[in-house]
Amino acid sequence: MKVYIAGAHSRGRTLRVYLETLYPDIQVEAFLVDDMADNAETADGIPVQTIGDGLDTDSPVYVAMRSENRPKVIHELHLMGMKEIIPVTVELDTELRNAYVRKYFQSLGRSFWLIDDLGIKG
């Protein structure tokens, strides 16, 4: 499944690792940005491009950036006709990170437990 990630800095690049590790059928087509001024042409070998023509509007877009920047980018994505826009909230990031770490620990033959999983009350 082809997806885009809006945001080419650490949040977007970390999200790519989470998604591609947890869902091997996902392929990040490009990192999307609203301005190329502070961005390289590629990030982790994946193209970085401005939000604009040529996007597959049926492919989901994960918006991985600081919350104060999200509304403008989400608006631009809506104007482009993107049908599925997924803001990466703190909750979604935590869920993906925990699943990623759990999978990583399993690959080492180790267990991964959250404090909440252990029933420990503070």
PDB file of N, CA and C in Angstrom:
ATOM      1  N   MET A   1       0.837  -1.164   0.000  1.00  0.00           N
ATOM      2  CA  MET A   1       0.000   0.000   0.000  1.00  0.00           C
ATOM      3  C   MET A   1       0.892   1.239   0.000  1.00  0.00           C
ATOM      4  N   LYS A   2       0.616   2.158  -0.882  1.00  0.00           N
ATOM      5  CA  LYS A   2       1.381   3.387  -1.013  1.00  0.00           C
ATOM      6  C   LYS A   2       0.797   4.437  -0.073  1.00  0.00           C
ATOM      7  N   VAL A   3       1.671   5.112   0.688  1.00  0.00           N
ATOM      8  CA  VAL A   3       1.256   6.213   1.563  1.00  0.00           C
ATOM      9  C   VAL A   3       2.222   7.379   1.393  1.00  0.00           C
ATOM     10  N   TYR A   4       1.776   8.535   1.827  1.00  0.00           N
ATOM     11  CA  TYR A   4       2.622   9.712   1.903  1.00  0.00           C
ATOM     12  C   TYR A   4       2.758  10.103   3.365  1.00  0.00           C
ATOM     13  N   ILE A   5       3.857  10.779   3.673  1.00  0.00           N
ATOM     14  CA  ILE A   5       4.030  11.358   5.006  1.00  0.00           C
ATOM     15  C   ILE A   5       4.296  12.842   4.823  1.00  0.00           C
ATOM     16  N   ALA A   6       3.406  13.674   5.369  1.00  0.00           N
ATOM     17  CA  ALA A   6       3.621  15.117   5.355  1.00  0.00           C
ATOM     18  C   ALA A   6       4.526  15.438   6.536  1.00  0.00           C
ATOM     19  N   GLY A   7       5.711  15.920   6.216  1.00  0.00           N
ATOM     20  CA  GLY A   7       6.730  16.185   7.223  1.00  0.00           C
ATOM     21  C   GLY A   7       7.959  15.351   6.916  1.00  0.00           C
ATOM     22  N   ALA A   8       9.090  16.010   6.694  1.00  0.00           N
ATOM     23  CA  ALA A   8      10.303  15.287   6.285  1.00  0.00           C
ATOM     24  C   ALA A   8      11.406  15.345   7.330  1.00  0.00           C
ATOM     25  N   HIS A   9      11.085  15.870   8.497  1.00  0.00           N
ATOM     26  CA  HIS A   9      12.098  15.942   9.543  1.00  0.00           C
ATOM     27  C   HIS A   9      11.928  14.758  10.490  1.00  0.00           C
ATOM     28  N   SER A  10      12.406  14.850  11.691  1.00  0.00           N
ATOM     29  CA  SER A  10      12.497  13.680  12.574  1.00  0.00           C
ATOM     30  C   SER A  10      11.161  12.983  12.808  1.00  0.00           C
ATOM     31  N   ARG A  11      10.077  13.722  12.975  1.00  0.00           N
ATOM     32  CA  ARG A  11       8.781  13.067  13.220  1.00  0.00           C
ATOM     33  C   ARG A  11       8.342  12.235  12.024  1.00  0.00           C
ATOM     34  N   GLY A  12       8.476  12.790  10.842  1.00  0.00           N
ATOM     35  CA  GLY A  12       8.089  12.052   9.643  1.00  0.00           C
ATOM     36  C   GLY A  12       8.989  10.864   9.379  1.00  0.00           C
ATOM     37  N   ARG A  13      10.279  11.044   9.576  1.00  0.00           N
ATOM     38  CA  ARG A  13      11.224   9.960   9.313  1.00  0.00           C
ATOM     39  C   ARG A  13      11.069   8.829  10.333  1.00  0.00           C
ATOM     40  N   THR A  14      10.783   9.185  11.579  1.00  0.00           N
ATOM     41  CA  THR A  14      10.538   8.163  12.597  1.00  0.00           C
ATOM     42  C   THR A  14       9.249   7.420  12.286  1.00  0.00           C
ATOM     43  N   LEU A  15       8.223   8.152  11.880  1.00  0.00           N
ATOM     44  CA  LEU A  15       6.959   7.514  11.511  1.00  0.00           C
ATOM     45  C   LEU A  15       7.169   6.510  10.382  1.00  0.00           C
ATOM     46  N   ARG A  16       7.993   6.858   9.401  1.00  0.00           N
ATOM     47  CA  ARG A  16       8.265   5.933   8.291  1.00  0.00           C
ATOM     48  C   ARG A  16       8.800   4.608   8.821  1.00  0.00           C
ATOM     49  N   VAL A  17       9.740   4.662   9.743  1.00  0.00           N
ATOM     50  CA  VAL A  17      10.313   3.435  10.303  1.00  0.00           C
ATOM     51  C   VAL A  17       9.237   2.633  11.021  1.00  0.00           C
ATOM     52  N   TYR A  18       8.421   3.306  11.827  1.00  0.00           N
ATOM     53  CA  TYR A  18       7.340   2.601  12.524  1.00  0.00           C
ATOM     54  C   TYR A  18       6.422   1.906  11.521  1.00  0.00           C
ATOM     55  N   LEU A  19       5.935   2.647  10.537  1.00  0.00           N
ATOM     56  CA  LEU A  19       4.961   2.094   9.587  1.00  0.00           C
ATOM     57  C   LEU A  19       5.550   0.952   8.780  1.00  0.00           C
ATOM     58  N   GLU A  20       6.760   1.138   8.245  1.00  0.00           N
ATOM     59  CA  GLU A  20       7.341   0.097   7.396  1.00  0.00           C
ATOM     60  C   GLU A  20       7.730  -1.143   8.199  1.00  0.00           C
ATOM     61  N   THR A  21       8.030  -0.990   9.487  1.00  0.00           N
ATOM     62  CA  THR A  21       8.356  -2.135  10.330  1.00  0.00           C
ATOM     63  C   THR A  21       7.092  -2.884  10.736  1.00  0.00           C
ATOM     64  N   LEU A  22       6.074  -2.141  11.138  1.00  0.00           N
ATOM     65  CA  LEU A  22       4.848  -2.757  11.628  1.00  0.00           C
ATOM     66  C   LEU A  22       3.965  -3.288  10.507  1.00  0.00           C
ATOM     67  N   TYR A  23       4.017  -2.648   9.361  1.00  0.00           N
ATOM     68  CA  TYR A  23       3.148  -3.007   8.231  1.00  0.00           C
ATOM     69  C   TYR A  23       4.003  -3.143   6.972  1.00  0.00           C
ATOM     70  N   PRO A  24       4.626  -4.299   6.771  1.00  0.00           N
ATOM     71  CA  PRO A  24       5.557  -4.473   5.647  1.00  0.00           C
ATOM     72  C   PRO A  24       4.958  -4.199   4.268  1.00  0.00           C
ATOM     73  N   ASP A  25       3.625  -4.203   4.149  1.00  0.00           N
ATOM     74  CA  ASP A  25       3.006  -3.923   2.848  1.00  0.00           C
ATOM     75  C   ASP A  25       2.928  -2.422   2.566  1.00  0.00           C
ATOM     76  N   ILE A  26       3.270  -1.589   3.553  1.00  0.00           N
ATOM     77  CA  ILE A  26       3.253  -0.133   3.357  1.00  0.00           C
ATOM     78  C   ILE A  26       4.551   0.313   2.701  1.00  0.00           C
ATOM     79  N   GLN A  27       4.400   1.188   1.716  1.00  0.00           N
ATOM     80  CA  GLN A  27       5.544   1.795   1.047  1.00  0.00           C
ATOM     81  C   GLN A  27       5.339   3.306   1.067  1.00  0.00           C
ATOM     82  N   VAL A  28       6.273   4.015   1.676  1.00  0.00           N
ATOM     83  CA  VAL A  28       6.198   5.474   1.692  1.00  0.00           C
ATOM     84  C   VAL A  28       6.656   5.982   0.331  1.00  0.00           C
ATOM     85  N   GLU A  29       5.736   6.593  -0.379  1.00  0.00           N
ATOM     86  CA  GLU A  29       5.989   7.097  -1.730  1.00  0.00           C
ATOM     87  C   GLU A  29       6.835   8.368  -1.700  1.00  0.00           C
ATOM     88  N   ALA A  30       6.517   9.260  -0.756  1.00  0.00           N
ATOM     89  CA  ALA A  30       7.253  10.527  -0.654  1.00  0.00           C
ATOM     90  C   ALA A  30       6.948  11.191   0.678  1.00  0.00           C
ATOM     91  N   PHE A  31       7.899  12.009   1.105  1.00  0.00           N
ATOM     92  CA  PHE A  31       7.655  12.932   2.201  1.00  0.00           C
ATOM     93  C   PHE A  31       7.147  14.216   1.558  1.00  0.00           C
ATOM     94  N   LEU A  32       6.079  14.778   2.095  1.00  0.00           N
ATOM     95  CA  LEU A  32       5.492  15.990   1.531  1.00  0.00           C
ATOM     96  C   LEU A  32       5.788  17.176   2.435  1.00  0.00           C
ATOM     97  N   VAL A  33       6.142  18.281   1.821  1.00  0.00           N
ATOM     98  CA  VAL A  33       6.421  19.519   2.550  1.00  0.00           C
ATOM     99  C   VAL A  33       5.733  20.674   1.833  1.00  0.00           C
ATOM    100  N   ASP A  34       5.531  21.775   2.555  1.00  0.00           N
ATOM    101  CA  ASP A  34       4.915  22.929   1.901  1.00  0.00           C
ATOM    102  C   ASP A  34       5.943  23.883   1.310  1.00  0.00           C
ATOM    103  N   ASP A  35       7.231  23.656   1.664  1.00  0.00           N
ATOM    104  CA  ASP A  35       8.295  24.525   1.162  1.00  0.00           C
ATOM    105  C   ASP A  35       9.596  23.720   1.159  1.00  0.00           C
ATOM    106  N   MET A  36      10.297  23.723   0.052  1.00  0.00           N
ATOM    107  CA  MET A  36      11.540  22.946  -0.056  1.00  0.00           C
ATOM    108  C   MET A  36      12.741  23.684   0.543  1.00  0.00           C
ATOM    109  N   ALA A  37      12.579  24.921   0.988  1.00  0.00           N
ATOM    110  CA  ALA A  37      13.714  25.739   1.438  1.00  0.00           C
ATOM    111  C   ALA A  37      14.541  25.061   2.526  1.00  0.00           C
ATOM    112  N   ASP A  38      13.916  24.429   3.485  1.00  0.00           N
ATOM    113  CA  ASP A  38      14.639  23.799   4.592  1.00  0.00           C
ATOM    114  C   ASP A  38      14.735  22.285   4.451  1.00  0.00           C
ATOM    115  N   ASN A  39      14.562  21.778   3.244  1.00  0.00           N
ATOM    116  CA  ASN A  39      14.522  20.331   3.035  1.00  0.00           C
ATOM    117  C   ASN A  39      15.464  19.892   1.920  1.00  0.00           C
ATOM    118  N   ALA A  40      16.008  18.701   2.091  1.00  0.00           N
ATOM    119  CA  ALA A  40      16.817  18.083   1.035  1.00  0.00           C
ATOM    120  C   ALA A  40      15.868  17.460   0.016  1.00  0.00           C
ATOM    121  N   GLU A  41      16.407  17.019  -1.112  1.00  0.00           N
ATOM    122  CA  GLU A  41      15.578  16.395  -2.153  1.00  0.00           C
ATOM    123  C   GLU A  41      15.126  14.997  -1.768  1.00  0.00           C
ATOM    124  N   THR A  42      15.858  14.364  -0.844  1.00  0.00           N
ATOM    125  CA  THR A  42      15.470  13.048  -0.342  1.00  0.00           C
ATOM    126  C   THR A  42      15.698  13.005   1.164  1.00  0.00           C
ATOM    127  N   ALA A  43      14.993  12.105   1.813  1.00  0.00           N
ATOM    128  CA  ALA A  43      15.193  11.832   3.236  1.00  0.00           C
ATOM    129  C   ALA A  43      15.146  10.317   3.387  1.00  0.00           C
ATOM    130  N   ASP A  44      16.215   9.752   3.887  1.00  0.00           N
ATOM    131  CA  ASP A  44      16.313   8.293   4.032  1.00  0.00           C
ATOM    132  C   ASP A  44      16.071   7.573   2.703  1.00  0.00           C
ATOM    133  N   GLY A  45      16.510   8.198   1.608  1.00  0.00           N
ATOM    134  CA  GLY A  45      16.368   7.593   0.290  1.00  0.00           C
ATOM    135  C   GLY A  45      14.994   7.737  -0.334  1.00  0.00           C
ATOM    136  N   ILE A  46      14.116   8.469   0.309  1.00  0.00           N
ATOM    137  CA  ILE A  46      12.746   8.664  -0.194  1.00  0.00           C
ATOM    138  C   ILE A  46      12.619  10.110  -0.666  1.00  0.00           C
ATOM    139  N   PRO A  47      11.967  10.336  -1.811  1.00  0.00           N
ATOM    140  CA  PRO A  47      11.838  11.699  -2.326  1.00  0.00           C
ATOM    141  C   PRO A  47      11.097  12.622  -1.357  1.00  0.00           C
ATOM    142  N   VAL A  48      11.555  13.857  -1.326  1.00  0.00           N
ATOM    143  CA  VAL A  48      10.854  14.924  -0.600  1.00  0.00           C
ATOM    144  C   VAL A  48      10.303  15.842  -1.681  1.00  0.00           C
ATOM    145  N   GLN A  49       9.006  16.119  -1.617  1.00  0.00           N
ATOM    146  CA  GLN A  49       8.397  16.974  -2.636  1.00  0.00           C
ATOM    147  C   GLN A  49       7.367  17.891  -2.000  1.00  0.00           C
ATOM    148  N   THR A  50       7.106  18.982  -2.686  1.00  0.00           N
ATOM    149  CA  THR A  50       6.088  19.898  -2.183  1.00  0.00           C
ATOM    150  C   THR A  50       4.704  19.323  -2.438  1.00  0.00           C
ATOM    151  N   ILE A  51       3.786  19.742  -1.595  1.00  0.00           N
ATOM    152  CA  ILE A  51       2.391  19.349  -1.767  1.00  0.00           C
ATOM    153  C   ILE A  51       1.921  19.992  -3.063  1.00  0.00           C
ATOM    154  N   GLY A  52       1.481  19.185  -3.987  1.00  0.00           N
ATOM    155  CA  GLY A  52       1.058  19.742  -5.269  1.00  0.00           C
ATOM    156  C   GLY A  52       0.586  18.660  -6.208  1.00  0.00           C
ATOM    157  N   ASP A  53       0.558  19.000  -7.472  1.00  0.00           N
ATOM    158  CA  ASP A  53       0.086  18.077  -8.499  1.00  0.00           C
ATOM    159  C   ASP A  53       0.910  16.799  -8.517  1.00  0.00           C
ATOM    160  N   GLY A  54       0.291  15.743  -8.992  1.00  0.00           N
ATOM    161  CA  GLY A  54       0.995  14.485  -9.146  1.00  0.00           C
ATOM    162  C   GLY A  54       0.819  13.537  -7.984  1.00  0.00           C
ATOM    163  N   LEU A  55       0.070  13.944  -6.958  1.00  0.00           N
ATOM    164  CA  LEU A  55      -0.174  13.050  -5.831  1.00  0.00           C
ATOM    165  C   LEU A  55      -1.330  12.116  -6.151  1.00  0.00           C
ATOM    166  N   ASP A  56      -1.225  10.896  -5.694  1.00  0.00           N
ATOM    167  CA  ASP A  56      -2.316   9.936  -5.814  1.00  0.00           C
ATOM    168  C   ASP A  56      -3.305  10.245  -4.692  1.00  0.00           C
ATOM    169  N   THR A  57      -4.422  10.860  -5.038  1.00  0.00           N
ATOM    170  CA  THR A  57      -5.369  11.325  -4.018  1.00  0.00           C
ATOM    171  C   THR A  57      -6.054  10.184  -3.273  1.00  0.00           C
ATOM    172  N   ASP A  58      -5.922   8.962  -3.760  1.00  0.00           N
ATOM    173  CA  ASP A  58      -6.495   7.808  -3.059  1.00  0.00           C
ATOM    174  C   ASP A  58      -5.548   7.228  -2.015  1.00  0.00           C
ATOM    175  N   SER A  59      -4.306   7.669  -2.000  1.00  0.00           N
ATOM    176  CA  SER A  59      -3.332   7.161  -1.029  1.00  0.00           C
ATOM    177  C   SER A  59      -3.430   7.974   0.262  1.00  0.00           C
ATOM    178  N   PRO A  60      -3.373   7.290   1.413  1.00  0.00           N
ATOM    179  CA  PRO A  60      -3.420   8.005   2.686  1.00  0.00           C
ATOM    180  C   PRO A  60      -2.208   8.916   2.869  1.00  0.00           C
ATOM    181  N   VAL A  61      -2.413  10.004   3.620  1.00  0.00           N
ATOM    182  CA  VAL A  61      -1.333  10.912   3.991  1.00  0.00           C
ATOM    183  C   VAL A  61      -1.316  11.003   5.518  1.00  0.00           C
ATOM    184  N   TYR A  62      -0.188  10.634   6.100  1.00  0.00           N
ATOM    185  CA  TYR A  62       0.029  10.810   7.534  1.00  0.00           C
ATOM    186  C   TYR A  62       0.665  12.174   7.726  1.00  0.00           C
ATOM    187  N   VAL A  63       0.123  12.978   8.624  1.00  0.00           N
ATOM    188  CA  VAL A  63       0.643  14.313   8.878  1.00  0.00           C
ATOM    189  C   VAL A  63       1.467  14.261  10.165  1.00  0.00           C
ATOM    190  N   ALA A  64       2.797  14.205   9.993  1.00  0.00           N
ATOM    191  CA  ALA A  64       3.721  14.003  11.111  1.00  0.00           C
ATOM    192  C   ALA A  64       4.544  15.268  11.332  1.00  0.00           C
ATOM    193  N   MET A  65       3.969  16.166  12.100  1.00  0.00           N
ATOM    194  CA  MET A  65       4.643  17.434  12.383  1.00  0.00           C
ATOM    195  C   MET A  65       4.057  18.019  13.652  1.00  0.00           C
ATOM    196  N   ARG A  66       4.661  19.096  14.107  1.00  0.00           N
ATOM    197  CA  ARG A  66       4.171  19.758  15.312  1.00  0.00           C
ATOM    198  C   ARG A  66       2.726  20.197  15.121  1.00  0.00           C
ATOM    199  N   SER A  67       1.950  20.122  16.194  1.00  0.00           N
ATOM    200  CA  SER A  67       0.513  20.388  16.107  1.00  0.00           C
ATOM    201  C   SER A  67       0.194  21.786  15.584  1.00  0.00           C
ATOM    202  N   GLU A  68       1.031  22.786  15.864  1.00  0.00           N
ATOM    203  CA  GLU A  68       0.724  24.138  15.391  1.00  0.00           C
ATOM    204  C   GLU A  68       0.887  24.270  13.877  1.00  0.00           C
ATOM    205  N   ASN A  69       1.615  23.358  13.239  1.00  0.00           N
ATOM    206  CA  ASN A  69       1.801  23.402  11.786  1.00  0.00           C
ATOM    207  C   ASN A  69       0.760  22.568  11.035  1.00  0.00           C
ATOM    208  N   ARG A  70       0.087  21.674  11.742  1.00  0.00           N
ATOM    209  CA  ARG A  70      -0.846  20.753  11.087  1.00  0.00           C
ATOM    210  C   ARG A  70      -2.002  21.404  10.340  1.00  0.00           C
ATOM    211  N   PRO A  71      -2.728  22.383  10.947  1.00  0.00           N
ATOM    212  CA  PRO A  71      -3.920  22.907  10.253  1.00  0.00           C
ATOM    213  C   PRO A  71      -3.641  23.430   8.847  1.00  0.00           C
ATOM    214  N   LYS A  72      -2.562  24.179   8.671  1.00  0.00           N
ATOM    215  CA  LYS A  72      -2.227  24.727   7.349  1.00  0.00           C
ATOM    216  C   LYS A  72      -1.970  23.606   6.348  1.00  0.00           C
ATOM    217  N   VAL A  73      -1.198  22.610   6.748  1.00  0.00           N
ATOM    218  CA  VAL A  73      -0.857  21.507   5.843  1.00  0.00           C
ATOM    219  C   VAL A  73      -2.094  20.655   5.550  1.00  0.00           C
ATOM    220  N   ILE A  74      -2.899  20.384   6.563  1.00  0.00           N
ATOM    221  CA  ILE A  74      -4.127  19.608   6.335  1.00  0.00           C
ATOM    222  C   ILE A  74      -5.039  20.357   5.364  1.00  0.00           C
ATOM    223  N   HIS A  75      -5.134  21.668   5.512  1.00  0.00           N
ATOM    224  CA  HIS A  75      -5.935  22.477   4.578  1.00  0.00           C
ATOM    225  C   HIS A  75      -5.411  22.334   3.149  1.00  0.00           C
ATOM    226  N   GLU A  76      -4.094  22.431   2.980  1.00  0.00           N
ATOM    227  CA  GLU A  76      -3.493  22.282   1.650  1.00  0.00           C
ATOM    228  C   GLU A  76      -3.777  20.896   1.073  1.00  0.00           C
ATOM    229  N   LEU A  77      -3.704  19.881   1.907  1.00  0.00           N
ATOM    230  CA  LEU A  77      -3.975  18.509   1.443  1.00  0.00           C
ATOM    231  C   LEU A  77      -5.433  18.353   1.021  1.00  0.00           C
ATOM    232  N   HIS A  78      -6.348  18.961   1.780  1.00  0.00           N
ATOM    233  CA  HIS A  78      -7.767  18.925   1.392  1.00  0.00           C
ATOM    234  C   HIS A  78      -7.957  19.606   0.044  1.00  0.00           C
ATOM    235  N   LEU A  79      -7.298  20.749  -0.154  1.00  0.00           N
ATOM    236  CA  LEU A  79      -7.416  21.464  -1.432  1.00  0.00           C
ATOM    237  C   LEU A  79      -6.894  20.624  -2.592  1.00  0.00           C
ATOM    238  N   MET A  80      -5.901  19.758  -2.319  1.00  0.00           N
ATOM    239  CA  MET A  80      -5.345  18.883  -3.357  1.00  0.00           C
ATOM    240  C   MET A  80      -6.272  17.703  -3.652  1.00  0.00           C
ATOM    241  N   GLY A  81      -7.286  17.507  -2.806  1.00  0.00           N
ATOM    242  CA  GLY A  81      -8.230  16.417  -3.019  1.00  0.00           C
ATOM    243  C   GLY A  81      -7.847  15.114  -2.335  1.00  0.00           C
ATOM    244  N   MET A  82      -6.914  15.187  -1.389  1.00  0.00           N
ATOM    245  CA  MET A  82      -6.517  13.970  -0.674  1.00  0.00           C
ATOM    246  C   MET A  82      -7.718  13.472   0.125  1.00  0.00           C
ATOM    247  N   LYS A  83      -7.993  12.182  -0.009  1.00  0.00           N
ATOM    248  CA  LYS A  83      -9.201  11.612   0.592  1.00  0.00           C
ATOM    249  C   LYS A  83      -9.008  11.124   2.022  1.00  0.00           C
ATOM    250  N   GLU A  84      -7.801  10.663   2.366  1.00  0.00           N
ATOM    251  CA  GLU A  84      -7.558  10.136   3.714  1.00  0.00           C
ATOM    252  C   GLU A  84      -6.341  10.838   4.312  1.00  0.00           C
ATOM    253  N   ILE A  85      -6.614  11.711   5.269  1.00  0.00           N
ATOM    254  CA  ILE A  85      -5.575  12.481   5.939  1.00  0.00           C
ATOM    255  C   ILE A  85      -5.564  12.075   7.404  1.00  0.00           C
ATOM    256  N   ILE A  86      -4.415  11.582   7.871  1.00  0.00           N
ATOM    257  CA  ILE A  86      -4.308  11.030   9.220  1.00  0.00           C
ATOM    258  C   ILE A  86      -3.318  11.864  10.033  1.00  0.00           C
ATOM    259  N   PRO A  87      -3.821  12.720  10.928  1.00  0.00           N
ATOM    260  CA  PRO A  87      -2.904  13.480  11.787  1.00  0.00           C
ATOM    261  C   PRO A  87      -2.220  12.531  12.781  1.00  0.00           C
ATOM    262  N   VAL A  88      -0.921  12.660  12.921  1.00  0.00           N
ATOM    263  CA  VAL A  88      -0.190  11.831  13.884  1.00  0.00           C
ATOM    264  C   VAL A  88      -0.207  12.582  15.213  1.00  0.00           C
ATOM    265  N   THR A  89      -1.201  12.237  16.013  1.00  0.00           N
ATOM    266  CA  THR A  89      -1.373  12.840  17.329  1.00  0.00           C
ATOM    267  C   THR A  89      -0.400  12.187  18.309  1.00  0.00           C
ATOM    268  N   VAL A  90      -0.315  12.749  19.500  1.00  0.00           N
ATOM    269  CA  VAL A  90       0.512  12.155  20.549  1.00  0.00           C
ATOM    270  C   VAL A  90       0.050  10.723  20.815  1.00  0.00           C
ATOM    271  N   GLU A  91      -1.265  10.519  20.833  1.00  0.00           N
ATOM    272  CA  GLU A  91      -1.808   9.183  21.109  1.00  0.00           C
ATOM    273  C   GLU A  91      -1.430   8.187  20.018  1.00  0.00           C
ATOM    274  N   LEU A  92      -1.562   8.579  18.749  1.00  0.00           N
ATOM    275  CA  LEU A  92      -1.197   7.678  17.661  1.00  0.00           C
ATOM    276  C   LEU A  92       0.301   7.404  17.669  1.00  0.00           C
ATOM    277  N   ASP A  93       1.106   8.429  17.898  1.00  0.00           N
ATOM    278  CA  ASP A  93       2.548   8.248  17.955  1.00  0.00           C
ATOM    279  C   ASP A  93       2.924   7.265  19.068  1.00  0.00           C
ATOM    280  N   THR A  94       2.315   7.410  20.236  1.00  0.00           N
ATOM    281  CA  THR A  94       2.596   6.510  21.360  1.00  0.00           C
ATOM    282  C   THR A  94       2.194   5.076  21.025  1.00  0.00           C
ATOM    283  N   GLU A  95       1.036   4.910  20.412  1.00  0.00           N
ATOM    284  CA  GLU A  95       0.571   3.576  20.029  1.00  0.00           C
ATOM    285  C   GLU A  95       1.535   2.916  19.041  1.00  0.00           C
ATOM    286  N   LEU A  96       1.945   3.659  18.024  1.00  0.00           N
ATOM    287  CA  LEU A  96       2.870   3.113  17.025  1.00  0.00           C
ATOM    288  C   LEU A  96       4.242   2.832  17.631  1.00  0.00           C
ATOM    289  N   ARG A  97       4.738   3.757  18.462  1.00  0.00           N
ATOM    290  CA  ARG A  97       6.046   3.566  19.095  1.00  0.00           C
ATOM    291  C   ARG A  97       6.047   2.321  19.979  1.00  0.00           C
ATOM    292  N   ASN A  98       5.015   2.153  20.792  1.00  0.00           N
ATOM    293  CA  ASN A  98       4.955   0.984  21.667  1.00  0.00           C
ATOM    294  C   ASN A  98       4.879  -0.310  20.863  1.00  0.00           C
ATOM    295  N   ALA A  99       4.108  -0.311  19.791  1.00  0.00           N
ATOM    296  CA  ALA A  99       4.024  -1.503  18.936  1.00  0.00           C
ATOM    297  C   ALA A  99       5.374  -1.779  18.273  1.00  0.00           C
ATOM    298  N   TYR A 100       6.050  -0.719  17.839  1.00  0.00           N
ATOM    299  CA  TYR A 100       7.367  -0.864  17.223  1.00  0.00           C
ATOM    300  C   TYR A 100       8.376  -1.452  18.213  1.00  0.00           C
ATOM    301  N   VAL A 101       8.432  -0.889  19.410  1.00  0.00           N
ATOM    302  CA  VAL A 101       9.382  -1.370  20.417  1.00  0.00           C
ATOM    303  C   VAL A 101       9.059  -2.807  20.805  1.00  0.00           C
ATOM    304  N   ARG A 102       7.779  -3.126  20.937  1.00  0.00           N
ATOM    305  CA  ARG A 102       7.374  -4.500  21.253  1.00  0.00           C
ATOM    306  C   ARG A 102       7.880  -5.460  20.159  1.00  0.00           C
ATOM    307  N   LYS A 103       7.707  -5.086  18.902  1.00  0.00           N
ATOM    308  CA  LYS A 103       8.157  -5.932  17.795  1.00  0.00           C
ATOM    309  C   LYS A 103       9.683  -6.050  17.793  1.00  0.00           C
ATOM    310  N   TYR A 104      10.368  -4.953  18.065  1.00  0.00           N
ATOM    311  CA  TYR A 104      11.827  -4.966  18.128  1.00  0.00           C
ATOM    312  C   TYR A 104      12.301  -5.915  19.224  1.00  0.00           C
ATOM    313  N   PHE A 105      11.723  -5.813  20.406  1.00  0.00           N
ATOM    314  CA  PHE A 105      12.110  -6.698  21.500  1.00  0.00           C
ATOM    315  C   PHE A 105      11.841  -8.158  21.137  1.00  0.00           C
ATOM    316  N   GLN A 106      10.705  -8.431  20.503  1.00  0.00           N
ATOM    317  CA  GLN A 106      10.399  -9.800  20.079  1.00  0.00           C
ATOM    318  C   GLN A 106      11.443 -10.315  19.105  1.00  0.00           C
ATOM    319  N   SER A 107      11.951  -9.449  18.226  1.00  0.00           N
ATOM    320  CA  SER A 107      12.975  -9.883  17.265  1.00  0.00           C
ATOM    321  C   SER A 107      14.260 -10.286  17.976  1.00  0.00           C
ATOM    322  N   LEU A 108      14.452  -9.773  19.200  1.00  0.00           N
ATOM    323  CA  LEU A 108      15.616 -10.134  20.007  1.00  0.00           C
ATOM    324  C   LEU A 108      15.330 -11.296  20.951  1.00  0.00           C
ATOM    325  N   GLY A 109      14.086 -11.796  20.894  1.00  0.00           N
ATOM    326  CA  GLY A 109      13.699 -12.882  21.792  1.00  0.00           C
ATOM    327  C   GLY A 109      13.437 -12.416  23.214  1.00  0.00           C
ATOM    328  N   ARG A 110      13.131 -11.138  23.378  1.00  0.00           N
ATOM    329  CA  ARG A 110      12.885 -10.570  24.696  1.00  0.00           C
ATOM    330  C   ARG A 110      11.445 -10.093  24.802  1.00  0.00           C
ATOM    331  N   SER A 111      10.973  -9.942  26.021  1.00  0.00           N
ATOM    332  CA  SER A 111       9.626  -9.433  26.269  1.00  0.00           C
ATOM    333  C   SER A 111       9.664  -7.924  26.458  1.00  0.00           C
ATOM    334  N   PHE A 112       8.581  -7.290  26.087  1.00  0.00           N
ATOM    335  CA  PHE A 112       8.428  -5.862  26.288  1.00  0.00           C
ATOM    336  C   PHE A 112       7.120  -5.653  27.033  1.00  0.00           C
ATOM    337  N   TRP A 113       7.183  -4.978  28.143  1.00  0.00           N
ATOM    338  CA  TRP A 113       6.002  -4.729  28.957  1.00  0.00           C
ATOM    339  C   TRP A 113       5.881  -3.243  29.256  1.00  0.00           C
ATOM    340  N   LEU A 114       4.673  -2.731  29.141  1.00  0.00           N
ATOM    341  CA  LEU A 114       4.378  -1.394  29.614  1.00  0.00           C
ATOM    342  C   LEU A 114       3.995  -1.485  31.078  1.00  0.00           C
ATOM    343  N   ILE A 115       4.246  -0.465  31.831  1.00  0.00           N
ATOM    344  CA  ILE A 115       3.840  -0.471  33.242  1.00  0.00           C
ATOM    345  C   ILE A 115       2.344  -0.738  33.356  1.00  0.00           C
ATOM    346  N   ASP A 116       1.557  -0.152  32.440  1.00  0.00           N
ATOM    347  CA  ASP A 116       0.107  -0.366  32.464  1.00  0.00           C
ATOM    348  C   ASP A 116      -0.241  -1.843  32.265  1.00  0.00           C
ATOM    349  N   ASP A 117       0.557  -2.572  31.496  1.00  0.00           N
ATOM    350  CA  ASP A 117       0.320  -3.996  31.261  1.00  0.00           C
ATOM    351  C   ASP A 117       0.508  -4.810  32.530  1.00  0.00           C
ATOM    352  N   LEU A 118       1.319  -4.314  33.456  1.00  0.00           N
ATOM    353  CA  LEU A 118       1.652  -5.057  34.670  1.00  0.00           C
ATOM    354  C   LEU A 118       0.655  -4.812  35.797  1.00  0.00           C
ATOM    355  N   GLY A 119      -0.245  -3.868  35.596  1.00  0.00           N
ATOM    356  CA  GLY A 119      -1.248  -3.594  36.625  1.00  0.00           C
ATOM    357  C   GLY A 119      -0.695  -2.855  37.817  1.00  0.00           C
ATOM    358  N   ILE A 120       0.445  -2.216  37.665  1.00  0.00           N
ATOM    359  CA  ILE A 120       1.055  -1.474  38.767  1.00  0.00           C
ATOM    360  C   ILE A 120       0.333  -0.131  38.897  1.00  0.00           C
ATOM    361  N   LYS A 121      -0.069   0.181  40.084  1.00  0.00           N
ATOM    362  CA  LYS A 121      -0.766   1.444  40.334  1.00  0.00           C
ATOM    363  C   LYS A 121       0.164   2.379  41.087  1.00  0.00           C
ATOM    364  N   GLY A 122       0.183   3.639  40.679  1.00  0.00           N
ATOM    365  CA  GLY A 122       1.077   4.622  41.285  1.00  0.00           C
ATOM    366  C   GLY A 122       0.467   5.332  42.450  1.00  0.00           C
TER     367      GLY A 122
END
